[in-house]
């Protein structure tokens, strides 16, 4: 079932005059990757909204601040006196109805990514073809996601980082990971980085385990929140 969501954006003195509060239950972080553009939208529980538009040209992203208000089936975001209209899908993604000033075309879906943020995910194992690969050093392999659209990796030897790309139906990938170059004879970080390069989607289990689902021959990387 598609829910209609309207976003209105407004700056300056009109922001100060906005007295309504959010009541729709939509706080969170949403991201869309348009190659090379990246759109990131934050909605906090106090009604503040931030829209970041990174053109992917090496320049600093354009960041606009506003307010959002809503009900169960509608949402208004104020920004520059314009109106952005989205549809809210069953998976909580937000589908853009109208163009954003030529930056993002209608039909682009911003994917919810709140569940990935603010957590240090510790690699437990990777299960594929009935076999398990475990980290060479327990609790040393850690994956984190930051608000700017980048992922950071820690291992028992080298560190790594790279952008993460989201897509429909919890799609997720790491198109390019850069690592430091220390030689690691007894570490299986090579398996770790290779598996991250095969990730195609993600999910959370009922007990809070992050599962990264691999393409190719299949398999699942399992991560738990750091204690």
Protein backbone atom coordinates (compact mmCIF):
# COMPACT_ATOMS: atom_id res chain seq x y z
CA UNK A 1 0.00 0.00 0.00
CA UNK A 2 1.48 3.38 -1.07
CA UNK A 3 1.10 6.29 1.34
CA UNK A 4 1.31 9.84 -0.01
CA UNK A 5 3.86 12.09 1.65
CA UNK A 6 4.30 15.81 0.92
CA UNK A 7 7.50 17.68 1.73
CA UNK A 8 7.61 21.50 1.91
CA UNK A 9 10.92 23.27 2.48
CA UNK A 10 11.43 26.76 3.90
CA UNK A 11 14.41 28.70 5.28
CA UNK A 12 15.12 31.78 7.40
CA UNK A 13 12.40 33.53 9.34
CA UNK A 14 9.64 31.16 8.24
CA UNK A 15 11.46 28.34 10.05
CA UNK A 16 11.17 30.26 13.31
CA UNK A 17 7.44 30.65 12.76
CA UNK A 18 6.88 26.94 12.30
CA UNK A 19 5.21 25.74 15.50
CA UNK A 20 3.72 22.40 14.53
CA UNK A 21 5.43 19.24 15.72
CA UNK A 22 5.89 15.91 13.95
CA UNK A 23 3.28 13.28 14.74
CA UNK A 24 3.69 10.76 11.94
CA UNK A 25 6.40 8.52 13.37
CA UNK A 26 8.84 9.11 10.50
CA UNK A 27 12.13 10.17 12.18
CA UNK A 28 15.15 8.55 10.59
CA UNK A 29 17.84 8.66 7.93
CA UNK A 30 17.18 8.04 4.23
CA UNK A 31 19.66 7.76 1.35
CA UNK A 32 19.53 7.56 -2.44
CA UNK A 33 22.54 6.83 -4.69
CA UNK A 34 22.21 8.24 -8.21
CA UNK A 35 25.81 7.66 -9.43
CA UNK A 36 27.53 9.94 -8.89
CA UNK A 37 25.02 12.00 -6.87
CA UNK A 38 24.09 11.03 -3.32
CA UNK A 39 21.01 12.37 -1.53
CA UNK A 40 20.76 11.99 2.24
CA UNK A 41 17.76 13.09 4.28
CA UNK A 42 17.66 13.21 8.09
CA UNK A 43 14.39 13.64 10.00
CA UNK A 44 14.78 13.94 13.76
CA UNK A 45 12.18 13.46 16.47
CA UNK A 46 12.05 17.20 17.18
CA UNK A 47 10.83 18.08 13.70
CA UNK A 48 14.18 19.16 12.26
CA UNK A 49 15.06 18.11 8.71
CA UNK A 50 18.41 18.16 6.88
CA UNK A 51 18.79 17.45 3.17
CA UNK A 52 22.31 16.85 1.81
CA UNK A 53 22.85 16.82 -1.96
CA UNK A 54 26.31 15.61 -3.04
CA UNK A 55 26.80 16.05 -6.79
CA UNK A 56 29.75 13.64 -6.76
CA UNK A 57 32.07 16.18 -8.40
CA UNK A 58 34.46 16.62 -5.50
CA UNK A 59 32.74 19.75 -4.26
CA UNK A 60 31.25 20.03 -0.78
CA UNK A 61 27.66 18.79 -0.61
CA UNK A 62 24.83 21.31 -0.60
CA UNK A 63 23.15 21.08 2.80
CA UNK A 64 19.75 22.63 3.54
CA UNK A 65 18.06 22.82 6.92
CA UNK A 66 14.32 22.81 7.42
CA UNK A 67 11.42 21.49 9.43
CA UNK A 68 9.13 18.53 8.93
CA UNK A 69 5.63 17.88 10.20
CA UNK A 70 3.32 14.99 9.50
CA UNK A 71 0.55 12.62 10.36
CA UNK A 72 0.20 8.89 9.76
CA UNK A 73 -0.09 9.31 6.00
CA UNK A 74 1.31 12.78 5.24
CA UNK A 75 4.59 14.60 5.80
CA UNK A 76 5.66 18.21 5.08
CA UNK A 77 9.30 19.29 4.82
CA UNK A 78 9.92 23.05 4.46
CA UNK A 79 12.79 24.09 2.19
CA UNK A 80 13.15 27.24 0.07
CA UNK A 81 9.38 27.69 -0.18
CA UNK A 82 9.11 24.67 -2.52
CA UNK A 83 7.09 21.49 -2.22
CA UNK A 84 8.58 18.00 -2.54
CA UNK A 85 6.10 15.17 -2.80
CA UNK A 86 7.02 11.59 -1.95
CA UNK A 87 5.20 8.28 -1.74
CA UNK A 88 5.89 6.08 1.27
CA UNK A 89 6.25 2.42 0.33
CA UNK A 90 5.58 -0.61 2.50
CA UNK A 91 9.32 -0.94 3.16
CA UNK A 92 9.36 2.69 4.45
CA UNK A 93 11.33 4.01 1.47
CA UNK A 94 10.32 7.46 0.18
CA UNK A 95 9.68 7.70 -3.58
CA UNK A 96 10.07 11.15 -5.13
CA UNK A 97 7.08 12.26 -7.21
CA UNK A 98 8.51 15.48 -8.68
CA UNK A 99 12.03 16.50 -9.74
CA UNK A 100 14.28 18.31 -7.24
CA UNK A 101 15.42 21.27 -9.36
CA UNK A 102 16.97 18.93 -11.91
CA UNK A 103 19.13 17.27 -9.25
CA UNK A 104 17.02 14.17 -8.66
CA UNK A 105 14.41 12.85 -11.12
CA UNK A 106 10.91 11.75 -10.20
CA UNK A 107 10.80 8.10 -9.14
CA UNK A 108 14.02 8.14 -7.13
CA UNK A 109 13.55 6.23 -3.87
CA UNK A 110 15.31 7.24 -0.67
CA UNK A 111 16.00 4.10 1.34
CA UNK A 112 15.77 3.95 5.16
CA UNK A 113 19.21 3.35 6.67
CA UNK A 114 18.71 4.34 10.31
CA UNK A 115 19.19 0.77 11.57
CA UNK A 116 22.74 0.67 10.17
CA UNK A 117 23.89 3.85 11.88
CA UNK A 118 25.43 4.58 15.30
CA UNK A 119 26.52 0.97 15.84
CA UNK A 120 29.89 -0.76 15.74
CA UNK A 121 29.10 -4.04 13.98
CA UNK A 122 31.45 -6.88 14.99
CA UNK A 123 31.96 -9.66 12.45
CA UNK A 124 30.94 -13.03 13.89
CA UNK A 125 31.23 -15.34 10.89
CA UNK A 126 30.35 -15.83 7.25
CA UNK A 127 28.28 -18.88 6.33
CA UNK A 128 28.39 -20.03 2.71
CA UNK A 129 27.87 -23.44 1.10
CA UNK A 130 27.47 -25.02 4.51
CA UNK A 131 30.85 -23.80 5.74
CA UNK A 132 31.73 -21.04 8.19
CA UNK A 133 34.56 -18.50 7.98
CA UNK A 134 35.37 -16.85 11.31
CA UNK A 135 37.64 -13.88 12.09
CA UNK A 136 41.26 -14.70 12.85
CA UNK A 137 41.01 -12.47 15.94
CA UNK A 138 37.74 -12.38 17.83
CA UNK A 139 36.04 -8.95 18.09
CA UNK A 140 38.76 -7.27 15.98
CA UNK A 141 36.81 -7.04 12.71
CA UNK A 142 34.39 -4.11 12.94
CA UNK A 143 32.14 -2.40 10.37
CA UNK A 144 30.62 1.05 10.90
CA UNK A 145 28.46 3.34 8.74
CA UNK A 146 28.62 7.13 8.99
CA UNK A 147 26.09 9.84 8.18
CA UNK A 148 28.02 11.01 5.11
CA UNK A 149 27.51 7.73 3.25
CA UNK A 150 30.82 6.05 4.01
CA UNK A 151 31.64 2.76 5.72
CA UNK A 152 34.76 2.15 7.81
CA UNK A 153 36.34 -1.24 8.49
CA UNK A 154 38.72 -2.37 11.21
CA UNK A 155 40.57 -5.70 11.22
CA UNK A 156 43.37 -7.29 13.23
CA UNK A 157 45.86 -5.82 10.76
CA UNK A 158 44.76 -3.21 8.19
CA UNK A 159 41.94 -0.69 8.20
CA UNK A 160 39.65 0.09 5.28
CA UNK A 161 37.00 2.54 4.13
CA UNK A 162 34.73 3.27 1.19
CA UNK A 163 31.32 4.53 0.21
CA UNK A 164 28.26 2.36 0.64
CA UNK A 165 25.44 2.28 -1.91
CA UNK A 166 21.82 1.50 -1.04
CA UNK A 167 19.03 0.30 -3.32
CA UNK A 168 15.46 -0.96 -3.17
CA UNK A 169 14.48 -3.92 -0.97
CA UNK A 170 17.36 -3.32 1.46
CA UNK A 171 19.94 -3.39 -1.31
CA UNK A 172 23.48 -2.60 -0.14
CA UNK A 173 26.91 -2.71 -1.72
CA UNK A 174 30.48 -1.49 -1.20
CA UNK A 175 31.69 -0.63 -4.71
CA UNK A 176 35.24 0.32 -3.76
CA UNK A 177 37.13 -0.33 -0.52
CA UNK A 178 40.55 1.24 0.11
CA UNK A 179 42.78 -0.40 2.71
CA UNK A 180 46.15 0.17 4.29
CA UNK A 181 48.93 -2.10 3.03
CA UNK A 182 50.52 -3.77 6.06
CA UNK A 183 51.46 -7.41 5.45
CA UNK A 184 49.28 -9.72 7.57
CA UNK A 185 50.50 -13.30 7.48
CA UNK A 186 48.08 -14.86 9.96
CA UNK A 187 45.03 -12.67 9.38
CA UNK A 188 42.04 -13.64 7.25
CA UNK A 189 41.20 -10.04 6.49
CA UNK A 190 41.53 -10.92 2.80
CA UNK A 191 38.41 -13.06 3.15
CA UNK A 192 36.68 -10.26 5.05
CA UNK A 193 37.27 -7.60 2.39
CA UNK A 194 36.53 -9.98 -0.47
CA UNK A 195 33.21 -10.93 1.09
CA UNK A 196 32.25 -7.30 1.67
CA UNK A 197 32.84 -6.76 -2.05
CA UNK A 198 30.15 -9.38 -2.79
CA UNK A 199 27.46 -7.89 -0.55
CA UNK A 200 24.15 -7.23 -2.31
CA UNK A 201 21.61 -6.67 0.49
CA UNK A 202 21.14 -6.51 4.26
CA UNK A 203 18.66 -7.46 6.95
CA UNK A 204 18.35 -7.53 10.73
CA UNK A 205 17.31 -10.62 12.64
CA UNK A 206 14.85 -10.51 15.54
CA UNK A 207 17.74 -10.67 18.00
CA UNK A 208 19.60 -7.75 16.40
CA UNK A 209 22.17 -9.56 14.23
CA UNK A 210 23.08 -7.69 11.04
CA UNK A 211 23.13 -10.03 8.05
CA UNK A 212 24.90 -8.98 4.85
CA UNK A 213 23.75 -11.21 2.01
CA UNK A 214 26.31 -12.05 -0.67
CA UNK A 215 25.90 -12.48 -4.39
CA UNK A 216 27.90 -14.95 -6.44
CA UNK A 217 27.67 -18.37 -4.81
CA UNK A 218 25.66 -16.87 -1.97
CA UNK A 219 26.32 -16.76 1.72
CA UNK A 220 25.73 -14.44 4.66
CA UNK A 221 28.10 -12.32 6.72
CA UNK A 222 26.86 -12.03 10.32
CA UNK A 223 27.61 -9.08 12.62
CA UNK A 224 26.53 -8.31 16.18
CA UNK A 225 26.48 -4.91 17.91
CA UNK A 226 29.66 -4.34 19.89
CA UNK A 227 29.10 -5.03 23.59
